[in-house]
Amino acid sequence: MQDRDPLWYDRAEPDEEPGLLLTSAAILFVGALKLYGMPYRLCRTLADRFIRRAFRTAPRP
């Protein structure tokens, strides 16, 4: 049946939204990804500011 009918999956799944547990797990996962990348972004921002201040170009006359 599945080989002959390309839309079998749409008919097999109910039209319900994900439950509270699945939604909460997804939100926690995305939040964890944001927290995981935060130290890198903070370090990168501080390094960029330091480089800009340390190596300013001389003003044009």
PDB file of N, CA and C in Angstrom:
ATOM      1  N   MET A   1       0.823  -1.189   0.000  1.00  0.00           N
ATOM      2  CA  MET A   1       0.000   0.000   0.000  1.00  0.00           C
ATOM      3  C   MET A   1       0.869   1.256   0.000  1.00  0.00           C
ATOM      4  N   GLN A   2       1.915   1.247   0.760  1.00  0.00           N
ATOM      5  CA  GLN A   2       2.727   2.448   0.881  1.00  0.00           C
ATOM      6  C   GLN A   2       3.483   2.752  -0.410  1.00  0.00           C
ATOM      7  N   ASP A   3       3.858   1.736  -1.156  1.00  0.00           N
ATOM      8  CA  ASP A   3       4.589   1.961  -2.398  1.00  0.00           C
ATOM      9  C   ASP A   3       3.691   2.528  -3.487  1.00  0.00           C
ATOM     10  N   ARG A   4       2.440   2.152  -3.481  1.00  0.00           N
ATOM     11  CA  ARG A   4       1.542   2.608  -4.539  1.00  0.00           C
ATOM     12  C   ARG A   4       0.886   3.940  -4.228  1.00  0.00           C
ATOM     13  N   ASP A   5       0.818   4.313  -2.968  1.00  0.00           N
ATOM     14  CA  ASP A   5       0.125   5.535  -2.567  1.00  0.00           C
ATOM     15  C   ASP A   5       1.125   6.514  -1.948  1.00  0.00           C
ATOM     16  N   PRO A   6       1.536   7.564  -2.672  1.00  0.00           N
ATOM     17  CA  PRO A   6       2.536   8.485  -2.144  1.00  0.00           C
ATOM     18  C   PRO A   6       2.021   9.346  -0.983  1.00  0.00           C
ATOM     19  N   LEU A   7       0.716   9.421  -0.779  1.00  0.00           N
ATOM     20  CA  LEU A   7       0.157  10.266   0.276  1.00  0.00           C
ATOM     21  C   LEU A   7      -0.324   9.461   1.476  1.00  0.00           C
ATOM     22  N   TRP A   8       0.161   8.239   1.640  1.00  0.00           N
ATOM     23  CA  TRP A   8      -0.328   7.404   2.740  1.00  0.00           C
ATOM     24  C   TRP A   8       0.019   8.001   4.092  1.00  0.00           C
ATOM     25  N   TYR A   9       1.137   8.668   4.189  1.00  0.00           N
ATOM     26  CA  TYR A   9       1.557   9.218   5.466  1.00  0.00           C
ATOM     27  C   TYR A   9       0.605  10.320   5.928  1.00  0.00           C
ATOM     28  N   ASP A  10       0.149  11.158   4.999  1.00  0.00           N
ATOM     29  CA  ASP A  10      -0.780  12.220   5.363  1.00  0.00           C
ATOM     30  C   ASP A  10      -2.083  11.663   5.909  1.00  0.00           C
ATOM     31  N   ARG A  11      -2.520  10.556   5.374  1.00  0.00           N
ATOM     32  CA  ARG A  11      -3.770   9.975   5.850  1.00  0.00           C
ATOM     33  C   ARG A  11      -3.566   9.178   7.133  1.00  0.00           C
ATOM     34  N   ALA A  12      -2.354   8.721   7.382  1.00  0.00           N
ATOM     35  CA  ALA A  12      -2.101   7.903   8.566  1.00  0.00           C
ATOM     36  C   ALA A  12      -1.944   8.746   9.823  1.00  0.00           C
ATOM     37  N   GLU A  13      -1.516   9.999   9.691  1.00  0.00           N
ATOM     38  CA  GLU A  13      -1.296  10.851  10.852  1.00  0.00           C
ATOM     39  C   GLU A  13      -2.579  11.594  11.217  1.00  0.00           C
ATOM     40  N   PRO A  14      -2.873  11.694  12.504  1.00  0.00           N
ATOM     41  CA  PRO A  14      -4.057  12.474  12.913  1.00  0.00           C
ATOM     42  C   PRO A  14      -3.779  13.969  12.771  1.00  0.00           C
ATOM     43  N   ASP A  15      -4.826  14.743  12.754  1.00  0.00           N
ATOM     44  CA  ASP A  15      -4.702  16.195  12.606  1.00  0.00           C
ATOM     45  C   ASP A  15      -4.602  16.883  13.962  1.00  0.00           C
ATOM     46  N   GLU A  16      -3.914  16.264  14.903  1.00  0.00           N
ATOM     47  CA  GLU A  16      -3.744  16.855  16.225  1.00  0.00           C
ATOM     48  C   GLU A  16      -2.411  17.579  16.298  1.00  0.00           C
ATOM     49  N   GLU A  17      -2.384  18.626  17.110  1.00  0.00           N
ATOM     50  CA  GLU A  17      -1.138  19.340  17.334  1.00  0.00           C
ATOM     51  C   GLU A  17      -0.298  18.577  18.358  1.00  0.00           C
ATOM     52  N   PRO A  18       1.009  18.821  18.394  1.00  0.00           N
ATOM     53  CA  PRO A  18       1.847  18.142  19.376  1.00  0.00           C
ATOM     54  C   PRO A  18       1.406  18.484  20.795  1.00  0.00           C
ATOM     55  N   GLY A  19       1.606  17.556  21.691  1.00  0.00           N
ATOM     56  CA  GLY A  19       1.203  17.756  23.074  1.00  0.00           C
ATOM     57  C   GLY A  19       2.139  18.683  23.830  1.00  0.00           C
ATOM     58  N   LEU A  20       1.791  18.925  25.072  1.00  0.00           N
ATOM     59  CA  LEU A  20       2.558  19.824  25.917  1.00  0.00           C
ATOM     60  C   LEU A  20       3.967  19.291  26.158  1.00  0.00           C
ATOM     61  N   LEU A  21       4.095  17.999  26.335  1.00  0.00           N
ATOM     62  CA  LEU A  21       5.409  17.405  26.598  1.00  0.00           C
ATOM     63  C   LEU A  21       6.348  17.579  25.402  1.00  0.00           C
ATOM     64  N   LEU A  22       5.873  17.315  24.204  1.00  0.00           N
ATOM     65  CA  LEU A  22       6.706  17.459  23.005  1.00  0.00           C
ATOM     66  C   LEU A  22       7.055  18.921  22.734  1.00  0.00           C
ATOM     67  N   THR A  23       6.104  19.807  22.934  1.00  0.00           N
ATOM     68  CA  THR A  23       6.365  21.236  22.746  1.00  0.00           C
ATOM     69  C   THR A  23       7.396  21.734  23.755  1.00  0.00           C
ATOM     70  N   SER A  24       7.256  21.307  25.006  1.00  0.00           N
ATOM     71  CA  SER A  24       8.218  21.715  26.039  1.00  0.00           C
ATOM     72  C   SER A  24       9.613  21.183  25.731  1.00  0.00           C
ATOM     73  N   ALA A  25       9.701  19.952  25.269  1.00  0.00           N
ATOM     74  CA  ALA A  25      11.002  19.373  24.929  1.00  0.00           C
ATOM     75  C   ALA A  25      11.655  20.139  23.783  1.00  0.00           C
ATOM     76  N   ALA A  26      10.862  20.544  22.809  1.00  0.00           N
ATOM     77  CA  ALA A  26      11.404  21.301  21.676  1.00  0.00           C
ATOM     78  C   ALA A  26      11.909  22.673  22.124  1.00  0.00           C
ATOM     79  N   ILE A  27      11.167  23.335  22.995  1.00  0.00           N
ATOM     80  CA  ILE A  27      11.580  24.651  23.489  1.00  0.00           C
ATOM     81  C   ILE A  27      12.858  24.529  24.307  1.00  0.00           C
ATOM     82  N   LEU A  28      12.949  23.508  25.153  1.00  0.00           N
ATOM     83  CA  LEU A  28      14.160  23.303  25.945  1.00  0.00           C
ATOM     84  C   LEU A  28      15.368  22.989  25.066  1.00  0.00           C
ATOM     85  N   PHE A  29      15.157  22.228  24.008  1.00  0.00           N
ATOM     86  CA  PHE A  29      16.248  21.883  23.093  1.00  0.00           C
ATOM     87  C   PHE A  29      16.782  23.125  22.394  1.00  0.00           C
ATOM     88  N   VAL A  30      15.892  23.958  21.899  1.00  0.00           N
ATOM     89  CA  VAL A  30      16.316  25.186  21.211  1.00  0.00           C
ATOM     90  C   VAL A  30      17.009  26.122  22.197  1.00  0.00           C
ATOM     91  N   GLY A  31      16.491  26.223  23.416  1.00  0.00           N
ATOM     92  CA  GLY A  31      17.130  27.054  24.430  1.00  0.00           C
ATOM     93  C   GLY A  31      18.521  26.560  24.777  1.00  0.00           C
ATOM     94  N   ALA A  32      18.689  25.245  24.851  1.00  0.00           N
ATOM     95  CA  ALA A  32      20.005  24.680  25.151  1.00  0.00           C
ATOM     96  C   ALA A  32      20.992  24.984  24.028  1.00  0.00           C
ATOM     97  N   LEU A  33      20.533  24.948  22.800  1.00  0.00           N
ATOM     98  CA  LEU A  33      21.413  25.291  21.682  1.00  0.00           C
ATOM     99  C   LEU A  33      21.855  26.748  21.746  1.00  0.00           C
ATOM    100  N   LYS A  34      20.937  27.621  22.112  1.00  0.00           N
ATOM    101  CA  LYS A  34      21.291  29.041  22.236  1.00  0.00           C
ATOM    102  C   LYS A  34      22.314  29.243  23.349  1.00  0.00           C
ATOM    103  N   LEU A  35      22.114  28.581  24.493  1.00  0.00           N
ATOM    104  CA  LEU A  35      23.055  28.716  25.603  1.00  0.00           C
ATOM    105  C   LEU A  35      24.412  28.120  25.267  1.00  0.00           C
ATOM    106  N   TYR A  36      24.421  27.051  24.491  1.00  0.00           N
ATOM    107  CA  TYR A  36      25.672  26.395  24.121  1.00  0.00           C
ATOM    108  C   TYR A  36      26.551  27.321  23.279  1.00  0.00           C
ATOM    109  N   GLY A  37      25.944  28.106  22.398  1.00  0.00           N
ATOM    110  CA  GLY A  37      26.705  28.985  21.517  1.00  0.00           C
ATOM    111  C   GLY A  37      27.007  30.348  22.114  1.00  0.00           C
ATOM    112  N   MET A  38      26.435  30.663  23.270  1.00  0.00           N
ATOM    113  CA  MET A  38      26.611  31.987  23.842  1.00  0.00           C
ATOM    114  C   MET A  38      28.057  32.323  24.211  1.00  0.00           C
ATOM    115  N   PRO A  39      28.827  31.444  24.861  1.00  0.00           N
ATOM    116  CA  PRO A  39      30.218  31.815  25.184  1.00  0.00           C
ATOM    117  C   PRO A  39      31.049  32.145  23.942  1.00  0.00           C
ATOM    118  N   TYR A  40      30.843  31.419  22.863  1.00  0.00           N
ATOM    119  CA  TYR A  40      31.583  31.697  21.629  1.00  0.00           C
ATOM    120  C   TYR A  40      31.222  33.076  21.083  1.00  0.00           C
ATOM    121  N   ARG A  41      29.934  33.381  21.042  1.00  0.00           N
ATOM    122  CA  ARG A  41      29.506  34.680  20.518  1.00  0.00           C
ATOM    123  C   ARG A  41      30.012  35.824  21.392  1.00  0.00           C
ATOM    124  N   LEU A  42      29.998  35.632  22.714  1.00  0.00           N
ATOM    125  CA  LEU A  42      30.480  36.665  23.623  1.00  0.00           C
ATOM    126  C   LEU A  42      31.980  36.889  23.443  1.00  0.00           C
ATOM    127  N   CYS A  43      32.720  35.813  23.348  1.00  0.00           N
ATOM    128  CA  CYS A  43      34.172  35.912  23.162  1.00  0.00           C
ATOM    129  C   CYS A  43      34.489  36.586  21.823  1.00  0.00           C
ATOM    130  N   ARG A  44      33.763  36.234  20.808  1.00  0.00           N
ATOM    131  CA  ARG A  44      33.976  36.818  19.484  1.00  0.00           C
ATOM    132  C   ARG A  44      33.691  38.315  19.483  1.00  0.00           C
ATOM    133  N   THR A  45      32.625  38.719  20.159  1.00  0.00           N
ATOM    134  CA  THR A  45      32.272  40.132  20.234  1.00  0.00           C
ATOM    135  C   THR A  45      33.342  40.926  20.979  1.00  0.00           C
ATOM    136  N   LEU A  46      33.797  40.394  22.111  1.00  0.00           N
ATOM    137  CA  LEU A  46      34.831  41.091  22.875  1.00  0.00           C
ATOM    138  C   LEU A  46      36.138  41.185  22.097  1.00  0.00           C
ATOM    139  N   ALA A  47      36.501  40.134  21.402  1.00  0.00           N
ATOM    140  CA  ALA A  47      37.729  40.154  20.604  1.00  0.00           C
ATOM    141  C   ALA A  47      37.627  41.170  19.468  1.00  0.00           C
ATOM    142  N   ASP A  48      36.480  41.247  18.823  1.00  0.00           N
ATOM    143  CA  ASP A  48      36.308  42.224  17.746  1.00  0.00           C
ATOM    144  C   ASP A  48      36.435  43.652  18.265  1.00  0.00           C
ATOM    145  N   ARG A  49      35.837  43.920  19.423  1.00  0.00           N
ATOM    146  CA  ARG A  49      35.950  45.267  19.997  1.00  0.00           C
ATOM    147  C   ARG A  49      37.385  45.590  20.366  1.00  0.00           C
ATOM    148  N   PHE A  50      38.086  44.613  20.938  1.00  0.00           N
ATOM    149  CA  PHE A  50      39.485  44.838  21.311  1.00  0.00           C
ATOM    150  C   PHE A  50      40.334  45.139  20.079  1.00  0.00           C
ATOM    151  N   ILE A  51      40.151  44.389  19.017  1.00  0.00           N
ATOM    152  CA  ILE A  51      40.926  44.590  17.785  1.00  0.00           C
ATOM    153  C   ILE A  51      40.643  45.971  17.204  1.00  0.00           C
ATOM    154  N   ARG A  52      39.394  46.386  17.212  1.00  0.00           N
ATOM    155  CA  ARG A  52      39.062  47.706  16.666  1.00  0.00           C
ATOM    156  C   ARG A  52      39.711  48.828  17.467  1.00  0.00           C
ATOM    157  N   ARG A  53      39.737  48.687  18.791  1.00  0.00           N
ATOM    158  CA  ARG A  53      40.328  49.739  19.617  1.00  0.00           C
ATOM    159  C   ARG A  53      41.845  49.702  19.580  1.00  0.00           C
ATOM    160  N   ALA A  54      42.428  48.519  19.521  1.00  0.00           N
ATOM    161  CA  ALA A  54      43.887  48.402  19.563  1.00  0.00           C
ATOM    162  C   ALA A  54      44.535  48.820  18.248  1.00  0.00           C
ATOM    163  N   PHE A  55      43.878  48.581  17.154  1.00  0.00           N
ATOM    164  CA  PHE A  55      44.472  48.853  15.843  1.00  0.00           C
ATOM    165  C   PHE A  55      43.632  49.847  15.056  1.00  0.00           C
ATOM    166  N   ARG A  56      43.443  51.009  15.632  1.00  0.00           N
ATOM    167  CA  ARG A  56      42.715  52.057  14.909  1.00  0.00           C
ATOM    168  C   ARG A  56      43.567  52.588  13.789  1.00  0.00           C
ATOM    169  N   THR A  57      42.953  52.925  12.692  1.00  0.00           N
ATOM    170  CA  THR A  57      43.705  53.528  11.593  1.00  0.00           C
ATOM    171  C   THR A  57      43.941  55.004  11.900  1.00  0.00           C
ATOM    172  N   ALA A  58      45.023  55.501  11.410  1.00  0.00           N
ATOM    173  CA  ALA A  58      45.356  56.913  11.654  1.00  0.00           C
ATOM    174  C   ALA A  58      44.374  57.796  10.895  1.00  0.00           C
ATOM    175  N   PRO A  59      43.954  58.880  11.520  1.00  0.00           N
ATOM    176  CA  PRO A  59      43.020  59.784  10.816  1.00  0.00           C
ATOM    177  C   PRO A  59      43.697  60.441   9.637  1.00  0.00           C
ATOM    178  N   ARG A  60      42.947  60.660   8.616  1.00  0.00           N
ATOM    179  CA  ARG A  60      43.484  61.296   7.406  1.00  0.00           C
ATOM    180  C   ARG A  60      43.655  62.788   7.643  1.00  0.00           C
ATOM    181  N   PRO A  61      44.716  63.350   7.130  1.00  0.00           N
ATOM    182  CA  PRO A  61      44.946  64.814   7.311  1.00  0.00           C
ATOM    183  C   PRO A  61      44.044  65.629   6.430  1.00  0.00           C
TER     184      PRO A  61
END
